C-alpha cells in the first residue's frame, strides 16, 4: 500500500499542508496513523476523501442549512459510512433544486408584479404599520433602509412615512429575500431597474458587474445553485468509487 507525507498529499490535492491538518482536525478526513517520529502517514483513502471535500466546498451555498448539510456528508464519508454519505448528498442535491425553483419563482413573481404595476394608491403608513401590514420585522425594515434598498421620506416631526411606491418596493424586496437573494444583488437589480424598466431581472440579480467591490456566491444565486448541483453529481460518483475501493 502506497503511503504519503503531509506535504505530498497537499501537493497532489493543490492545497497548503496546514489545510490538510485542519481537515483532519475538523473530521473531514480519516485520522491518519503516525510514525514513531510523529509524522502522519496518509493513504489513497485520504487522497480520495480530500478530493471529495474539495468538490463539496468548491461552491459555498449557505442558506437554509445547506453548508451544514454538506459538511455533515463529508464527515460521514470520512468515518467510512459511504451509504449514509450518499443518502445525504442526494438530499443536498434535492434541496439545491428546490432552492433554485424558489429563486426562479421569485423572479417570476417580481416580474409579474412589476408588469401589472400594482399601485398602493393613497397609502401613507408609519414603520410599525408597514411592519404589521407586510409581516416584516422593524429590524428588517431598518436593515434594508441602512443598506440602501429603500429611502423613506420623513415628516417634519421626524417620523418615516411609507408611500404606496415604498410598499410596492418592499414587496419586491421581500419576495427576493425569501428566495435568499443577497441584499447587494437586490440593490443592484433595483438600481438597474430604476435606470431601465426593461432590465432583465434574472441577469441583474445573478451577474454582478466586474468592478463590484463585493462579489459573493449569494450575488450569483441561481448560477451558484446550478454549479453546486453539478458538483453533487460529481460527489455521488466520488463516493461510489470510494465505496468500491475502500470498503
Protein backbone atom coordinates (compact mmCIF):
# COMPACT_ATOMS: atom_id res chain seq x y z
CA UNK A 1 0.00 0.00 0.00
CA UNK A 2 1.39 3.35 -1.04
CA UNK A 3 1.65 5.99 1.69
CA UNK A 4 2.17 9.74 1.60
CA UNK A 5 3.57 12.51 3.78
CA UNK A 6 1.52 15.60 4.58
CA UNK A 7 3.46 17.70 2.07
CA UNK A 8 2.95 15.09 -0.65
CA UNK A 9 -0.80 14.96 -0.04
CA UNK A 10 -1.00 18.74 -0.10
CA UNK A 11 0.86 18.86 -3.43
CA UNK A 12 -1.39 16.23 -5.03
CA UNK A 13 -4.59 18.00 -3.96
CA UNK A 14 -3.26 21.52 -4.54
CA UNK A 15 -3.67 22.87 -1.02
CA UNK A 16 -1.41 24.07 1.78
CA UNK A 17 -0.13 21.40 4.23
CA UNK A 18 -1.84 23.32 7.05
CA UNK A 19 -5.17 22.80 5.26
CA UNK A 20 -4.61 19.03 5.37
CA UNK A 21 -4.08 19.29 9.13
CA UNK A 22 -7.20 21.45 9.51
CA UNK A 23 -9.30 18.93 7.59
CA UNK A 24 -8.05 16.24 9.96
CA UNK A 25 -8.85 18.41 12.98
CA UNK A 26 -12.37 19.11 11.68
CA UNK A 27 -13.08 15.44 10.98
CA UNK A 28 -13.29 15.92 7.22
CA UNK A 29 -10.73 13.16 6.56
CA UNK A 30 -9.95 9.97 8.48
CA UNK A 31 -7.37 10.41 11.21
CA UNK A 32 -4.03 9.20 9.74
CA UNK A 33 -1.70 6.84 11.52
CA UNK A 34 1.59 8.25 12.83
CA UNK A 35 5.13 7.01 12.63
CA UNK A 36 7.26 6.74 15.82
CA UNK A 37 8.69 10.19 15.00
CA UNK A 38 5.18 11.66 14.98
CA UNK A 39 4.90 12.13 11.20
CA UNK A 40 1.46 11.49 9.74
CA UNK A 41 1.02 8.67 7.23
CA UNK A 42 -1.65 9.16 4.58
CA UNK A 43 -3.09 6.61 2.14
CA UNK A 44 -5.12 6.62 -1.08
CA UNK A 45 -8.24 6.83 1.08
CA UNK A 46 -7.10 10.21 2.39
CA UNK A 47 -6.37 11.41 -1.15
CA UNK A 48 -9.87 10.40 -2.31
CA UNK A 49 -11.52 11.91 0.76
CA UNK A 50 -9.70 15.20 0.32
CA UNK A 51 -10.80 15.35 -3.31
CA UNK A 52 -14.38 14.77 -2.17
CA UNK A 53 -14.08 17.58 0.38
CA UNK A 54 -12.65 19.94 -2.21
CA UNK A 55 -15.58 19.23 -4.51
CA UNK A 56 -18.04 19.68 -1.66
CA UNK A 57 -16.72 23.10 -0.66
CA UNK A 58 -15.88 24.42 -4.12
CA UNK A 59 -19.17 26.35 -4.23
CA UNK A 60 -20.40 27.70 -0.91
CA UNK A 61 -24.18 27.77 -0.65
CA UNK A 62 -25.00 28.98 2.82
CA UNK A 63 -28.77 29.34 3.06
CA UNK A 64 -31.19 27.04 4.88
CA UNK A 65 -28.56 24.77 6.40
CA UNK A 66 -27.02 23.65 3.11
CA UNK A 67 -23.45 24.37 4.25
CA UNK A 68 -24.02 22.37 7.44
CA UNK A 69 -25.61 19.53 5.48
CA UNK A 70 -22.72 19.16 3.05
CA UNK A 71 -20.17 19.35 5.90
CA UNK A 72 -22.00 16.52 7.68
CA UNK A 73 -21.94 14.50 4.46
CA UNK A 74 -18.16 14.86 4.17
CA UNK A 75 -17.73 13.79 7.80
CA UNK A 76 -19.94 10.73 7.20
CA UNK A 77 -17.70 9.72 4.31
CA UNK A 78 -14.60 10.38 6.42
CA UNK A 79 -15.95 7.98 9.05
CA UNK A 80 -16.33 5.29 6.37
CA UNK A 81 -20.15 5.43 6.25
CA UNK A 82 -20.37 5.78 2.49
CA UNK A 83 -24.02 4.71 2.28
CA UNK A 84 -25.05 7.48 4.66
CA UNK A 85 -22.88 9.96 2.76
CA UNK A 86 -24.63 9.00 -0.50
CA UNK A 87 -28.04 9.48 1.09
CA UNK A 88 -27.00 12.88 2.44
CA UNK A 89 -25.54 14.17 -0.83
CA UNK A 90 -28.71 13.17 -2.68
CA UNK A 91 -30.81 15.03 -0.10
CA UNK A 92 -28.48 18.00 -0.52
CA UNK A 93 -28.96 17.88 -4.28
CA UNK A 94 -32.76 17.78 -3.94
CA UNK A 95 -32.66 20.81 -1.64
CA UNK A 96 -30.44 22.68 -4.10
CA UNK A 97 -33.00 22.03 -6.83
CA UNK A 98 -35.79 23.28 -4.55
CA UNK A 99 -33.79 26.43 -3.75
CA UNK A 100 -33.28 27.05 -7.46
CA UNK A 101 -37.02 26.69 -8.12
CA UNK A 102 -37.70 29.19 -5.32
CA UNK A 103 -35.18 31.64 -6.76
CA UNK A 104 -36.67 31.40 -10.24
CA UNK A 105 -40.21 31.66 -8.89
CA UNK A 106 -39.30 34.84 -7.02
CA UNK A 107 -38.10 36.40 -10.27
CA UNK A 108 -41.36 35.43 -11.96
CA UNK A 109 -43.38 36.90 -9.09
CA UNK A 110 -41.46 40.17 -9.19
CA UNK A 111 -41.68 40.36 -12.99
CA UNK A 112 -45.44 39.80 -12.90
CA UNK A 113 -45.82 42.33 -10.09
CA UNK A 114 -43.87 45.00 -11.96
CA UNK A 115 -45.67 44.32 -15.25
CA UNK A 116 -49.04 44.71 -13.52
CA UNK A 117 -47.74 47.89 -11.88
CA UNK A 118 -50.00 47.25 -8.91
CA UNK A 119 -50.20 50.52 -7.02
CA UNK A 120 -50.99 51.13 -3.38
CA UNK A 121 -52.71 54.42 -4.15
CA UNK A 122 -53.11 56.89 -1.33
CA UNK A 123 -51.15 54.79 1.15
CA UNK A 124 -49.40 56.57 4.00
CA UNK A 125 -48.04 54.37 6.77
CA UNK A 126 -45.63 54.57 9.66
CA UNK A 127 -42.88 51.99 10.05
CA UNK A 128 -44.78 49.93 12.63
CA UNK A 129 -47.84 49.85 10.40
CA UNK A 130 -45.74 48.71 7.46
CA UNK A 131 -44.14 46.04 9.64
CA UNK A 132 -47.54 44.63 10.54
CA UNK A 133 -49.02 45.04 7.06
CA UNK A 134 -46.19 43.20 5.27
CA UNK A 135 -45.26 40.89 8.18
CA UNK A 136 -41.69 42.21 8.16
CA UNK A 137 -39.91 42.94 11.41
CA UNK A 138 -38.96 46.51 12.33
CA UNK A 139 -35.30 45.49 12.45
CA UNK A 140 -35.52 44.06 8.94
CA UNK A 141 -37.01 47.29 7.62
CA UNK A 142 -34.20 49.27 9.28
CA UNK A 143 -31.62 46.91 7.82
CA UNK A 144 -32.99 47.26 4.30
CA UNK A 145 -33.01 51.03 4.60
CA UNK A 146 -29.47 51.13 6.05
CA UNK A 147 -28.29 49.02 3.10
CA UNK A 148 -29.78 51.46 0.61
CA UNK A 149 -32.64 49.31 -0.68
CA UNK A 150 -35.20 51.94 0.28
CA UNK A 151 -35.17 55.66 1.02
CA UNK A 152 -38.16 56.73 3.07
CA UNK A 153 -39.35 60.29 3.41
CA UNK A 154 -39.75 61.85 6.85
CA UNK A 155 -42.37 64.19 8.19
CA UNK A 156 -41.38 67.38 9.96
CA UNK A 157 -41.68 65.55 13.28
CA UNK A 158 -39.04 63.05 12.10
CA UNK A 159 -41.38 60.06 11.61
CA UNK A 160 -40.83 57.98 8.49
CA UNK A 161 -43.84 57.79 6.19
CA UNK A 162 -44.12 54.99 3.66
CA UNK A 163 -45.96 55.68 0.42
CA UNK A 164 -47.65 53.27 -1.96
CA UNK A 165 -44.49 53.25 -4.05
CA UNK A 166 -42.46 52.32 -0.96
CA UNK A 167 -44.87 49.46 -0.15
CA UNK A 168 -44.53 48.07 -3.69
CA UNK A 169 -40.74 48.25 -3.47
CA UNK A 170 -40.82 46.44 -0.13
CA UNK A 171 -42.97 43.67 -1.60
CA UNK A 172 -40.39 43.15 -4.33
CA UNK A 173 -37.54 43.08 -1.79
CA UNK A 174 -39.45 40.68 0.47
CA UNK A 175 -40.10 38.22 -2.37
CA UNK A 176 -36.44 38.17 -3.37
CA UNK A 177 -35.14 37.89 0.19
CA UNK A 178 -37.48 34.94 0.83
CA UNK A 179 -35.71 33.22 -2.06
CA UNK A 180 -32.33 34.03 -0.44
CA UNK A 181 -31.08 36.67 -2.87
CA UNK A 182 -28.48 38.82 -1.15
CA UNK A 183 -29.09 42.47 -0.28
CA UNK A 184 -26.39 43.54 -2.74
CA UNK A 185 -27.93 41.52 -5.57
CA UNK A 186 -31.34 43.07 -4.87
CA UNK A 187 -29.89 46.58 -4.65
CA UNK A 188 -28.09 46.05 -7.95
CA UNK A 189 -31.33 44.90 -9.58
CA UNK A 190 -33.35 47.82 -8.18
CA UNK A 191 -30.70 50.31 -9.31
CA UNK A 192 -30.65 48.89 -12.83
CA UNK A 193 -34.45 48.79 -12.88
CA UNK A 194 -34.61 52.48 -11.95
CA UNK A 195 -32.32 53.31 -14.87
CA UNK A 196 -34.06 50.99 -17.34
CA UNK A 197 -37.52 49.48 -16.65
CA UNK A 198 -36.79 46.86 -19.35
CA UNK A 199 -33.89 45.43 -17.32
CA UNK A 200 -33.60 41.62 -17.38
CA UNK A 201 -34.22 40.82 -13.71
CA UNK A 202 -32.56 37.41 -13.68
CA UNK A 203 -29.41 38.77 -15.30
CA UNK A 204 -29.31 41.77 -12.95
CA UNK A 205 -29.71 39.55 -9.89
CA UNK A 206 -27.21 36.87 -10.83
CA UNK A 207 -24.39 38.59 -12.72
CA UNK A 208 -22.51 41.28 -10.76
CA UNK A 209 -20.53 43.93 -12.56
CA UNK A 210 -16.85 43.07 -12.95
CA UNK A 211 -15.83 46.04 -10.82
CA UNK A 212 -18.21 45.22 -7.97
CA UNK A 213 -16.39 45.60 -4.65
CA UNK A 214 -18.20 42.66 -3.10
CA UNK A 215 -18.82 39.60 -5.25
CA UNK A 216 -20.06 36.60 -3.30
CA UNK A 217 -21.86 33.42 -4.30
CA UNK A 218 -25.03 34.91 -2.85
CA UNK A 219 -24.92 37.56 -5.59
CA UNK A 220 -24.99 34.76 -8.19
CA UNK A 221 -27.66 32.68 -6.52
CA UNK A 222 -29.11 30.68 -9.41
CA UNK A 223 -25.70 30.19 -11.01
CA UNK A 224 -24.22 29.04 -7.68
CA UNK A 225 -27.09 26.62 -7.06
CA UNK A 226 -26.64 25.14 -10.54
CA UNK A 227 -22.89 24.74 -10.01
CA UNK A 228 -23.42 23.16 -6.59
CA UNK A 229 -25.97 20.71 -8.05
CA UNK A 230 -23.50 19.75 -10.79
CA UNK A 231 -20.83 19.20 -8.12
CA UNK A 232 -23.28 16.97 -6.24
CA UNK A 233 -23.31 14.65 -9.27
CA UNK A 234 -19.53 14.53 -9.11
CA UNK A 235 -19.62 13.80 -5.36
CA UNK A 236 -22.02 10.91 -5.87
CA UNK A 237 -19.58 9.35 -8.33
CA UNK A 238 -16.64 10.00 -5.98
CA UNK A 239 -18.35 8.34 -3.03
CA UNK A 240 -19.46 5.36 -5.10
CA UNK A 241 -15.87 4.87 -6.27
CA UNK A 242 -14.57 5.22 -2.70
CA UNK A 243 -17.09 2.63 -1.55
CA UNK A 244 -15.79 0.16 -4.14
CA UNK A 245 -12.12 0.85 -3.40
CA UNK A 246 -12.06 1.20 0.37
CA UNK A 247 -14.81 -0.96 1.85
